[in-house]
Protein backbone atom coordinates (compact mmCIF):
# COMPACT_ATOMS: atom_id res chain seq x y z
CA MET A 1 69.15 66.71 97.91
CA GLU A 2 68.35 63.42 96.22
CA THR A 3 70.93 60.76 97.10
CA TYR A 4 72.13 57.90 94.91
CA PRO A 5 72.28 54.21 95.89
CA TRP A 6 76.06 54.04 95.47
CA TRP A 7 76.80 56.82 97.98
CA ASN A 8 78.43 55.61 101.17
CA GLU A 9 77.32 56.57 104.67
CA LYS A 10 79.84 59.41 104.90
CA GLN A 11 78.61 60.93 101.66
CA GLU A 12 74.94 60.61 102.62
CA LYS A 13 75.63 62.34 105.94
CA LEU A 14 77.57 65.06 104.14
CA ALA A 15 74.65 65.62 101.77
CA GLU A 16 72.21 66.09 104.65
CA GLU A 17 74.51 68.48 106.51
CA ALA A 18 75.29 70.49 103.39
CA ARG A 19 71.59 70.76 102.49
CA LYS A 20 70.78 72.05 105.96
CA PHE A 21 73.61 74.59 105.79
CA ALA A 22 72.41 75.80 102.39
CA ASP A 23 68.83 76.16 103.61
CA GLU A 24 69.98 78.28 106.53
CA SER A 25 72.38 80.38 104.45
CA LEU A 26 70.08 81.28 101.52
CA PRO A 27 69.24 84.74 102.97
CA ARG A 28 72.94 85.59 103.28
CA GLY A 29 73.53 84.48 99.69
CA GLU A 30 70.77 86.76 98.43
CA GLU A 31 72.28 89.67 100.38
CA ILE A 32 75.56 89.15 98.53
CA ALA A 33 73.73 89.41 95.19
CA TRP A 34 73.02 93.04 96.19
CA THR A 35 76.11 94.02 98.17
CA LYS A 36 78.62 92.21 95.89
CA GLU A 37 80.81 91.48 98.91
CA PHE A 38 83.08 88.46 99.03
CA PRO A 39 81.45 85.73 101.23
CA ALA A 40 84.35 85.41 103.68
CA ASP A 41 81.98 84.64 106.56
CA LEU A 42 80.31 81.78 104.68
CA LEU A 43 83.67 80.35 103.64
CA LYS A 44 84.80 80.44 107.26
CA ALA A 45 81.69 78.47 108.23
CA VAL A 46 82.36 75.95 105.45
CA ALA A 47 85.93 75.53 106.70
CA GLU A 48 84.74 75.04 110.29
CA LYS A 49 82.53 72.20 109.08
CA GLY A 50 85.59 70.56 107.51
CA TRP A 51 84.21 70.60 103.96
CA PHE A 52 87.38 72.04 102.48
CA GLY A 53 88.77 68.64 103.33
CA ALA A 54 86.18 66.72 101.32
CA LEU A 55 88.81 65.55 98.83
CA ILE A 56 91.71 65.51 101.29
CA PRO A 57 92.74 62.28 103.10
CA GLU A 58 92.34 62.07 106.85
CA ALA A 59 96.13 61.95 107.24
CA TYR A 60 96.21 65.65 106.36
CA GLY A 61 93.14 66.58 108.39
CA GLY A 62 90.54 65.99 105.66
CA VAL A 63 87.37 63.88 105.63
CA ASP A 64 88.23 61.94 102.45
CA ALA A 65 84.74 61.89 100.90
CA GLY A 66 86.18 61.69 97.40
CA VAL A 67 85.20 63.48 94.23
CA THR A 68 81.58 62.63 95.06
CA GLY A 69 81.92 64.44 98.39
CA CYS A 70 83.32 67.52 96.67
CA CYS A 71 80.41 67.52 94.22
CA ILE A 72 77.89 67.17 97.05
CA VAL A 73 79.33 70.22 98.81
CA ALA A 74 79.56 72.20 95.58
CA GLU A 75 75.95 71.44 94.64
CA GLU A 76 74.60 72.70 97.95
CA LEU A 77 76.90 75.74 98.17
CA SER A 78 75.81 76.73 94.67
CA ARG A 79 72.27 77.12 95.98
CA ILE A 80 73.51 79.91 98.25
CA CYS A 81 75.51 82.04 95.81
CA SER A 82 77.97 81.64 92.95
CA ALA A 83 80.75 83.45 94.84
CA LEU A 84 80.68 80.82 97.58
CA VAL A 85 80.72 77.77 95.34
CA GLY A 86 83.21 79.43 93.01
CA ALA A 87 85.74 80.15 95.75
CA TYR A 88 85.33 76.63 97.13
CA SER A 89 85.48 74.75 93.82
CA VAL A 90 88.43 76.69 92.41
CA THR A 91 90.38 75.85 95.57
CA MET A 92 89.62 72.17 95.04
CA PHE A 93 90.79 72.09 91.41
CA GLY A 94 93.25 74.96 91.76
CA GLY A 95 95.70 73.46 94.22
CA VAL A 96 94.25 70.54 96.17
CA GLU A 97 93.85 68.10 93.29
CA GLN A 98 97.30 68.93 91.91
CA LEU A 99 98.97 68.53 95.31
CA LEU A 100 97.29 65.19 95.91
CA LYS A 101 98.40 63.74 92.59
CA PHE A 102 101.74 65.43 91.93
CA GLY A 103 102.92 66.99 95.18
CA ASP A 104 105.54 65.26 97.31
CA GLU A 105 104.90 64.40 100.94
CA GLU A 106 106.54 67.58 102.21
CA GLN A 107 104.36 69.72 99.93
CA ARG A 108 101.20 67.92 101.00
CA LYS A 109 101.99 68.34 104.69
CA ARG A 110 102.83 71.99 104.09
CA TRP A 111 99.66 73.08 102.31
CA LEU A 112 96.81 70.56 102.59
CA PRO A 113 96.18 71.01 106.35
CA GLN A 114 95.95 74.76 105.70
CA VAL A 115 93.38 74.20 102.95
CA VAL A 116 91.30 72.11 105.35
CA LYS A 117 91.24 75.18 107.62
CA GLY A 118 89.96 77.37 104.77
CA MET A 119 93.02 78.56 102.87
CA LEU A 120 91.90 79.37 99.31
CA GLY A 121 93.59 78.39 96.07
CA ALA A 122 93.48 79.48 92.43
CA ILE A 123 94.39 77.98 89.08
CA CYS A 124 96.41 80.10 86.65
CA ILE A 125 96.33 79.00 83.01
CA THR A 126 94.68 81.70 80.88
CA GLU A 127 96.82 84.60 79.62
CA PRO A 128 96.16 87.72 77.56
CA SER A 129 97.06 85.85 74.36
CA ILE A 130 96.35 82.28 75.47
CA GLY A 131 93.00 80.71 76.33
CA SER A 132 91.83 77.31 75.11
CA ASP A 133 95.27 76.70 73.56
CA ALA A 134 96.87 76.09 76.95
CA ALA A 135 99.94 74.48 75.41
CA GLY A 136 100.86 77.93 74.06
CA ILE A 137 101.42 79.44 77.53
CA GLU A 138 103.88 82.34 77.31
CA THR A 139 104.62 83.05 80.98
CA THR A 140 108.23 81.95 81.54
CA ALA A 141 109.99 80.35 84.49
CA LYS A 142 113.81 80.33 84.43
CA LEU A 143 115.86 78.47 86.98
CA GLU A 144 118.41 80.60 88.83
CA GLY A 145 120.12 78.71 91.60
CA ASN A 146 117.45 77.24 93.86
CA GLU A 147 114.70 79.54 92.59
CA TYR A 148 112.61 79.97 89.46
CA VAL A 149 112.13 83.49 88.15
CA LEU A 150 108.64 83.93 86.66
CA ASN A 151 107.70 86.62 84.16
CA GLY A 152 104.36 87.07 82.44
CA LYS A 153 100.69 87.75 83.03
CA LYS A 154 97.63 85.63 83.74
CA ARG A 155 94.02 86.72 83.34
CA PHE A 156 90.50 85.53 84.16
CA ILE A 157 91.89 84.13 87.41
CA THR A 158 89.12 83.33 89.86
CA ASN A 159 89.96 83.97 93.54
CA ALA A 160 92.49 86.60 92.43
CA GLY A 161 93.66 88.39 95.54
CA VAL A 162 91.69 86.32 98.05
CA ALA A 163 93.58 83.07 97.38
CA ASP A 164 96.75 82.29 99.32
CA ILE A 165 98.18 79.70 96.90
CA TYR A 166 98.11 79.85 93.11
CA CYS A 167 98.74 76.83 90.88
CA VAL A 168 100.66 78.50 88.06
CA TYR A 169 101.69 76.96 84.75
CA ALA A 170 104.72 78.48 83.03
CA LYS A 171 107.07 77.70 80.19
CA THR A 172 110.42 76.26 81.28
CA SER A 173 111.78 75.27 77.86
CA ASP A 174 111.92 76.76 74.37
CA ARG A 175 113.40 73.63 72.82
CA ARG A 176 111.41 72.40 69.84
CA GLU A 177 111.73 68.77 70.88
CA ASP A 178 110.34 69.55 74.35
CA ARG A 179 107.40 71.42 72.81
CA ALA A 180 106.70 68.49 70.50
CA LYS A 181 106.57 66.14 73.49
CA TYR A 182 104.62 68.61 75.69
CA ARG A 183 107.61 68.76 78.04
CA HIS A 184 107.97 72.54 77.85
CA LEU A 185 105.72 73.53 80.77
CA SER A 186 106.10 73.23 84.53
CA ALA A 187 103.66 73.71 87.41
CA PHE A 188 104.32 75.79 90.52
CA ILE A 189 102.59 76.71 93.76
CA VAL A 190 103.06 80.48 93.99
CA GLU A 191 102.18 82.00 97.34
CA LYS A 192 100.62 85.38 98.04
CA GLY A 193 103.27 87.82 99.17
CA MET A 194 106.13 86.48 97.07
CA PRO A 195 108.16 89.45 95.70
CA GLY A 196 107.25 90.35 92.12
CA PHE A 197 103.84 88.62 92.29
CA THR A 198 100.92 91.06 92.27
CA VAL A 199 97.26 91.45 91.36
CA GLU A 200 97.15 93.73 88.33
CA ARG A 201 93.41 94.37 88.20
CA ILE A 202 90.02 92.87 89.04
CA ASN A 203 87.42 92.30 86.33
CA GLU A 204 83.87 93.60 86.50
CA LEU A 205 81.95 90.53 85.35
CA GLY A 206 78.43 90.03 84.08
CA GLY A 207 77.84 87.37 86.73
CA TRP A 208 79.57 85.55 89.60
CA ILE A 209 78.65 88.44 91.88
CA GLY A 210 81.07 88.83 94.80
CA LEU A 211 83.70 86.50 93.36
CA PRO A 212 87.02 88.25 92.55
CA ASN A 213 88.32 87.45 89.09
CA GLY A 214 91.24 89.29 87.59
CA PHE A 215 94.72 89.68 86.14
CA LEU A 216 97.92 88.56 87.85
CA SER A 217 101.39 89.90 87.08
CA PHE A 218 104.69 88.09 87.50
CA ASP A 219 107.59 90.56 87.33
CA ASP A 220 110.75 88.63 88.18
CA ALA A 221 108.70 86.76 90.76
CA ARG A 222 111.01 84.38 92.60
CA VAL A 223 109.59 80.98 93.46
CA PRO A 224 111.61 78.34 95.37
CA VAL A 225 112.37 75.07 93.59
CA GLU A 226 110.53 73.23 96.35
CA ASN A 227 107.31 74.92 95.16
CA ARG A 228 107.45 73.12 91.81
CA LEU A 229 104.92 70.30 91.40
CA GLY A 230 106.52 67.22 89.90
CA ALA A 231 109.64 67.40 87.78
CA GLU A 232 110.52 70.22 85.43
CA GLY A 233 108.58 69.62 82.23
CA ASP A 234 105.68 67.87 83.98
CA GLY A 235 103.43 70.91 83.75
CA TRP A 236 101.32 69.72 80.84
CA LYS A 237 100.75 66.37 82.55
CA VAL A 238 99.72 68.14 85.76
CA LEU A 239 97.41 70.47 83.81
CA VAL A 240 95.52 67.89 81.73
CA ASP A 241 95.31 65.34 84.53
CA GLY A 242 93.13 67.68 86.56
CA LEU A 243 90.78 68.72 83.77
CA ASN A 244 88.28 65.90 84.29
CA PHE A 245 87.93 66.70 87.99
CA GLU A 246 87.61 70.41 87.20
CA ARG A 247 84.87 69.80 84.63
CA ASN A 248 83.00 67.48 86.95
CA LEU A 249 83.09 69.85 89.92
CA PHE A 250 82.14 72.76 87.65
CA ALA A 251 79.07 70.79 86.55
CA ALA A 252 78.13 70.10 90.19
CA GLY A 253 78.19 73.83 90.85
CA MET A 254 75.33 74.35 88.38
CA LEU A 255 72.95 71.87 89.99
CA GLY A 256 71.98 74.03 92.96
CA PRO A 257 70.68 77.00 90.95
CA MET A 258 68.83 74.59 88.67
CA ARG A 259 67.00 73.19 91.70
CA GLU A 260 66.26 76.66 93.05
CA ALA A 261 65.00 77.88 89.68
CA ILE A 262 62.52 75.00 89.44
CA LYS A 263 61.36 75.71 92.99
CA TYR A 264 60.63 79.35 92.15
CA ALA A 265 59.01 78.57 88.79
CA VAL A 266 56.64 75.98 90.28
CA GLY A 267 55.84 78.03 93.37
CA HIS A 268 55.18 81.16 91.30
CA ALA A 269 52.99 79.35 88.78
CA GLN A 270 50.93 77.77 91.54
CA ARG A 271 50.18 81.20 92.98
CA ARG A 272 49.87 83.40 89.90
CA LEU A 273 46.32 83.67 88.48
CA GLN A 274 45.62 84.63 84.88
CA PHE A 275 42.31 84.12 83.04
CA ASN A 276 40.89 82.92 86.36
CA ARG A 277 43.33 79.99 86.55
CA PRO A 278 46.72 79.38 88.18
CA THR A 279 49.32 79.66 85.44
CA ILE A 280 50.62 76.19 86.30
CA ASP A 281 47.36 74.84 84.83
CA PHE A 282 48.40 76.02 81.38
CA GLU A 283 49.96 73.22 79.37
CA VAL A 284 52.66 75.49 77.96
CA ASN A 285 54.01 76.03 81.50
CA GLN A 286 53.62 72.37 82.42
CA PHE A 287 55.75 71.38 79.43
CA LYS A 288 58.45 73.88 80.40
CA ILE A 289 58.51 72.57 83.96
CA ALA A 290 58.63 68.97 82.70
CA ASP A 291 61.68 69.86 80.62
CA MET A 292 63.26 71.47 83.68
CA PHE A 293 62.86 68.25 85.66
CA ALA A 294 64.35 66.21 82.82
CA ARG A 295 67.32 68.54 82.43
CA LEU A 296 68.06 68.58 86.15
CA GLN A 297 67.80 64.80 86.51
CA THR A 298 70.03 64.19 83.50
CA ALA A 299 72.66 66.73 84.56
CA ARG A 300 72.80 65.34 88.12
CA LEU A 301 73.07 61.75 86.97
CA LEU A 302 75.85 62.56 84.51
CA THR A 303 77.72 64.54 87.17
CA TYR A 304 77.55 61.95 89.94
CA HIS A 305 78.14 59.02 87.61
CA SER A 306 81.34 60.72 86.48
CA ALA A 307 82.30 61.47 90.10
CA ARG A 308 81.80 57.84 91.05
CA LEU A 309 84.02 56.66 88.21
CA MET A 310 86.77 59.04 89.33
CA ASP A 311 86.44 57.80 92.89
CA MET A 312 87.01 54.34 91.41
CA LYS A 313 90.24 55.74 89.90
CA THR A 314 88.87 55.76 86.36
CA GLU A 315 89.81 58.67 84.10
CA ALA A 316 86.19 59.28 83.05
CA VAL A 317 87.17 61.65 80.22
CA MET A 318 83.98 61.12 78.23
CA GLU A 319 81.77 61.20 81.30
CA ALA A 320 83.23 64.34 82.90
CA THR A 321 83.29 66.20 79.60
CA SER A 322 79.71 65.17 78.84
CA ALA A 323 78.59 66.28 82.30
CA LYS A 324 80.18 69.70 81.94
CA LEU A 325 78.88 70.26 78.42
CA TYR A 326 75.37 69.05 79.12
CA ALA A 327 74.98 70.77 82.49
CA SER A 328 76.13 74.15 81.14
CA GLU A 329 73.66 74.09 78.28
CA ALA A 330 70.85 72.54 80.31
CA TYR A 331 71.38 75.19 83.01
CA GLU A 332 70.97 78.05 80.55
CA ARG A 333 67.80 76.62 79.03
CA LEU A 334 66.35 75.72 82.42
CA VAL A 335 66.79 79.12 84.09
CA ILE A 336 65.51 80.97 81.03
CA ASP A 337 62.43 78.74 80.93
CA ALA A 338 61.95 79.32 84.65
CA GLN A 339 62.07 83.06 84.00
CA GLN A 340 59.50 82.67 81.25
CA VAL A 341 57.15 80.75 83.54
CA MET A 342 57.46 83.55 86.11
CA GLY A 343 56.96 86.26 83.51
CA GLY A 344 58.05 89.79 84.41
CA ASP A 345 58.68 88.83 88.04
CA GLY A 346 61.42 86.44 86.92
CA TRP A 347 63.26 89.28 85.23
CA THR A 348 63.32 91.54 88.28
CA ARG A 349 66.22 91.39 90.69
CA PHE A 350 63.76 90.80 93.52
CA TYR A 351 63.86 87.08 92.71
CA PRO A 352 67.11 85.02 92.46
CA LEU A 353 66.28 83.97 88.88
CA GLU A 354 67.87 87.13 87.52
CA THR A 355 71.16 86.26 89.22
CA PHE A 356 71.03 82.69 87.92
CA VAL A 357 70.56 83.97 84.37
CA ARG A 358 73.56 86.30 84.80
CA ASP A 359 75.71 83.26 85.53
CA ALA A 360 74.37 81.12 82.68
CA LYS A 361 76.78 82.16 79.95
CA VAL A 362 79.97 81.81 81.99
CA ASN A 363 79.17 78.14 82.54
CA GLN A 364 79.74 77.62 78.80
CA LEU A 365 83.07 79.44 78.96
CA GLY A 366 84.75 78.51 82.24
CA ALA A 367 86.53 75.18 82.80
CA GLY A 368 86.74 74.81 79.02
CA THR A 369 84.34 76.25 76.49
CA SER A 370 81.47 74.20 75.08
CA GLU A 371 83.35 74.14 71.78
CA VAL A 372 86.40 72.61 73.47
CA MET A 373 84.15 70.08 75.22
CA ARG A 374 82.78 69.02 71.85
CA MET A 375 86.30 68.73 70.43
CA VAL A 376 87.28 66.48 73.34
CA LEU A 377 84.13 64.38 73.01
CA PHE A 378 84.63 63.98 69.28
CA ARG A 379 88.21 62.78 69.64
CA GLN A 380 87.66 60.67 72.74
CA GLY A 381 84.43 59.23 71.33
CA LEU A 382 86.13 58.06 68.16
CA ARG A 383 88.88 56.49 70.23
CA ALA A 384 86.71 54.94 72.94
CA MET A 385 84.10 53.56 70.54
CA ARG A 386 86.49 52.60 67.75
CA ASP A 387 85.26 49.01 67.49
CA GLU A 388 81.58 49.89 67.81
CA LEU A 389 81.83 52.63 65.17
CA LYS A 390 83.28 50.37 62.53
CA MET A 391 81.38 50.83 59.28
CA PRO A 392 79.22 47.74 58.61
CA HIS A 393 80.16 45.69 55.56
CA ARG A 394 77.56 45.76 52.81
CA HIS A 395 76.92 43.31 50.02
CA MET A 396 74.24 42.54 47.45
CA HIS A 397 71.51 40.14 48.51
CA PRO A 398 71.58 37.22 46.00
CA LYS A 399 67.77 37.02 45.69
CA LEU A 400 66.45 40.47 46.51
CA GLY A 401 69.17 42.29 44.60
CA ILE A 402 69.42 44.96 47.26
CA PRO A 403 72.31 46.01 49.53
CA ILE A 404 72.26 44.59 53.07
CA SER A 405 74.70 44.55 55.97
CA THR A 406 76.89 41.57 56.78
CA MET A 407 79.36 40.75 59.52
CA LYS A 408 81.27 38.33 57.27
CA PRO A 409 82.29 39.90 53.98
CA ALA A 410 83.08 37.57 51.09
CA VAL A 411 86.81 37.13 50.68
CA VAL A 412 88.44 37.63 47.27
CA ALA A 413 90.87 34.75 46.87
CA GLU A 414 92.71 35.96 43.77
CA VAL A 415 93.91 39.56 44.10
CA ASN A 416 94.61 41.46 40.91
CA GLU A 417 93.46 44.60 39.12
CA LYS A 418 90.38 42.87 37.71
CA THR A 419 89.11 41.51 41.05
CA LEU A 420 89.91 44.78 42.80
CA LEU A 421 87.96 46.78 40.24
CA GLU A 422 85.03 44.36 40.49
CA MET A 423 85.05 44.81 44.26
CA LEU A 424 84.88 48.58 43.82
CA ALA A 425 82.03 48.11 41.34
CA GLU A 426 80.07 46.16 43.95
CA ASP A 427 80.82 48.88 46.50
CA TYR A 428 79.22 51.35 44.06
CA LEU A 429 76.03 49.28 44.25
CA VAL A 430 75.90 49.09 48.04
CA ASN A 431 77.38 52.53 48.89
CA PRO A 432 76.88 54.58 45.72
CA GLY A 433 77.83 57.91 47.26
CA LEU A 434 80.82 56.69 49.29
CA TYR A 435 84.45 55.88 48.72
CA MET A 436 85.77 52.53 49.91
CA SER A 437 88.40 52.63 52.64
CA LYS A 438 91.67 50.79 52.40
CA GLY A 439 90.79 48.93 55.58
CA ASP A 440 87.55 47.69 54.01
CA MET A 441 89.44 46.48 50.97
CA LYS A 442 92.05 44.61 53.00
CA GLU A 443 89.35 42.71 54.88
CA LYS A 444 88.01 41.39 51.58
CA LEU A 445 91.34 40.81 49.86
CA ALA A 446 92.97 37.68 51.26
CA GLY A 447 96.35 38.50 52.79
CA VAL A 448 97.20 41.42 50.52
CA SER A 449 99.98 43.69 51.79
CA ASP A 450 99.76 47.48 51.89
CA GLU A 451 102.48 47.73 49.28
CA LYS A 452 100.71 45.37 46.86
CA LEU A 453 97.34 47.07 47.36
CA ASP A 454 98.87 50.52 46.80
CA GLU A 455 100.50 49.23 43.63
CA LEU A 456 97.21 47.91 42.25
CA LEU A 457 95.27 51.05 43.20
CA THR A 458 97.88 53.35 41.68
CA SER A 459 97.82 51.36 38.45
CA LEU A 460 94.00 51.49 38.25
CA GLU A 461 94.09 55.24 38.88
CA ALA A 462 96.63 55.72 36.09
CA LYS A 463 94.23 53.96 33.70
CA GLY A 464 91.36 56.23 34.76
CA PHE A 465 89.36 53.37 36.28
CA ILE A 466 89.34 54.74 39.85
CA LYS A 467 89.98 57.94 41.77
CA LEU A 468 91.95 58.03 45.00
CA TYR A 469 91.95 60.15 48.15
CA LYS A 470 95.19 60.49 50.09
CA ASP A 471 95.52 61.59 53.72
CA ARG A 472 97.73 64.41 54.98
CA ARG A 473 100.76 62.17 54.95
CA GLY A 474 100.22 61.26 51.32
CA ASN A 475 99.05 57.72 52.02
CA ILE A 476 96.19 56.21 50.02
CA ALA A 477 93.12 56.16 52.26
CA LEU A 478 90.03 55.88 50.03
CA ALA A 479 89.17 54.73 46.51
CA LYS A 480 86.13 54.86 44.24
CA ALA A 481 85.44 53.50 40.76
CA THR A 482 84.97 56.08 38.01
CA TYR A 483 82.32 55.85 35.29
CA LYS A 484 85.00 54.38 33.02
CA GLY A 485 85.94 51.88 35.72
CA LEU A 486 82.34 50.78 36.27
CA LYS A 487 81.97 50.09 32.53
CA GLU A 488 85.23 48.15 32.53
CA ALA A 489 84.25 46.06 35.57
CA LYS A 490 80.72 44.92 34.71
CA PRO A 491 78.08 45.11 31.95
CA PRO A 492 75.25 47.69 32.32
CA GLU A 493 72.76 45.03 33.45
CA TYR A 494 74.85 44.41 36.58
CA TYR A 495 73.97 47.83 37.93
CA GLN A 496 70.25 47.74 37.17
CA TRP A 497 67.53 47.11 39.73
CA PHE A 498 63.85 48.11 39.81
CA PRO A 499 61.19 47.56 42.49
CA GLU A 500 58.27 45.27 41.68
CA TRP A 501 55.76 48.12 41.67
CA MET A 502 57.63 50.00 38.94
CA ASN A 503 55.76 49.85 35.63
CA LYS A 504 58.21 48.26 33.21
CA ASP A 505 56.64 50.24 30.34
CA HIS A 506 58.04 53.39 31.92
CA LEU A 507 61.59 52.15 31.78
CA PHE A 508 63.87 52.84 28.87
C-alpha cells in the first residue's frame, strides 16, 4: 500500500500490518467467492488485531487511528473479499460513527467496547417505498412509557442477521411543522433479539458474495428510550451527519479490488503471447493499463484527502462526495478494462476479475447513488464556490468595439427607464443570447433599491421594451431587451460591428 506524507506513525504501521494480513488472507477470500459463506473467521481475526477500533478512542478500547485509519483497513480488507470489507465498513458507519457523535457516555461505554471485540453493526434507512428520499421514511416509532414501539420494514440492509446492533431511523412525528424542519425522525440502536424485531428475508444479490443483505421487519418492536441516539427529532441530523464518512469509507473499499485488477491485468499481459509478442507490448493494452493507473491514483488521492479533512474535523462534503462518485465509476471502468486486457481468461471465474466485475454496479448504488452524488455536488458546488462562479461583467471595448470582461463595471449615476433600457441594450451587445440578472443590474445602478428597480422593469415590460423572467416565488430575476426596446434605446449603427477582413462591398 502506498502511504501519504501526512499519515502519522500509527497509520503507517496500520497500513503495513493490514497489507500483510490481506496478502496472507487472499486464498481464503477467493474460497468465499465459491462457497458464498460469511467470513466469520476473517472478521474474528480482524477483531483480534483491534482494527474494529480504528475509529474508536482508546478510552473505549480502540486504537483511535481516525477516519484515515478506517480507510486504510477498508482498502486492504477489500483486497480479500467484498463480504469482509462490507461487514467491517457497515459496522463503522452503521453504529460506531453515530455513537461517537450522538451517543451519550453511557451508550458509548455500553456498545463501543463490544464493537472493538468484533460486534457487528448495520444501518437501516432504505424501505420498500423509500430509497434516496430518506426524509420520507415510513417506519414509525411511538413512545409508550419508557419504550418506543417500532412498526415498519427496512430493506437492502447489509449485515442483516449477522449484526448485533442496528442503527434504525424511524418517524416519531406526523406534525407538518416538524416535517418542514426535518424534526420528524429519530435514531435508535435496535439490538438483535428484541421482541418484534426479525429478519424477513435475505436477498440473492448479483455481487457482494457471502455478505448477507436483506429485509428487516418491526412488528410492535419495543425499544427502550435509552437506546435512542440524541433527542427525539434528531434523527435527520444523525442521518445526514454520517453520510460523508459513509461515502468516504465506501470509496476506500473499492481501492483494493482496483489494485488487484491491475496486478492481474499486467501479470497476464506480460505472460500471454499473441502474434509472437507478449500482449503487454501492444499499445492498445498499454493505454488501458495507463488509464488504470491514473484512475487508481486519482481515486486513492481523493479518498485519503477527504479522510484527512474529516480527521481535521472538517465536513468535507464536496471531497467525500467526489471521492465516492469518482471511485465508483473509475472502479467499473478499471475492472472492465482489466478484463479486456486478459481476454477470455478475465471473464472466467477462475480469476478474481469476474468477482470484481460483479461488484462494480453496486458501488454506484450503495451509500447513495451516483445520481444523488451529482445532486449533492451540484448544490454544494454552487454554494461553496459562490464567489468564484460569479458571472464576469462584460462591456464594449472603446477602441476595438468588441465585448471584453471587466472587474469594475461602469456605474450608471442617473437611474431611470432610459438609462436602464440603454444598459440592457449594451448587455445585448456583450451577451446577445443571455438575459441580464437583477444582481448584475444593481451593481451598475448606483444605490437603486429592489422596489425602485422592480418598478422600472415592470414599466418597461408594460411598454413592450423588455421581457422579464420571474422565479418560483414570483420575484423578478432576469430581464432582456426586446427588438422594440433595442430600437428605442439606440440607433441601428450602435449595434453594428464588422471585422477588418470583411469585404465592405458584401455588406448591405
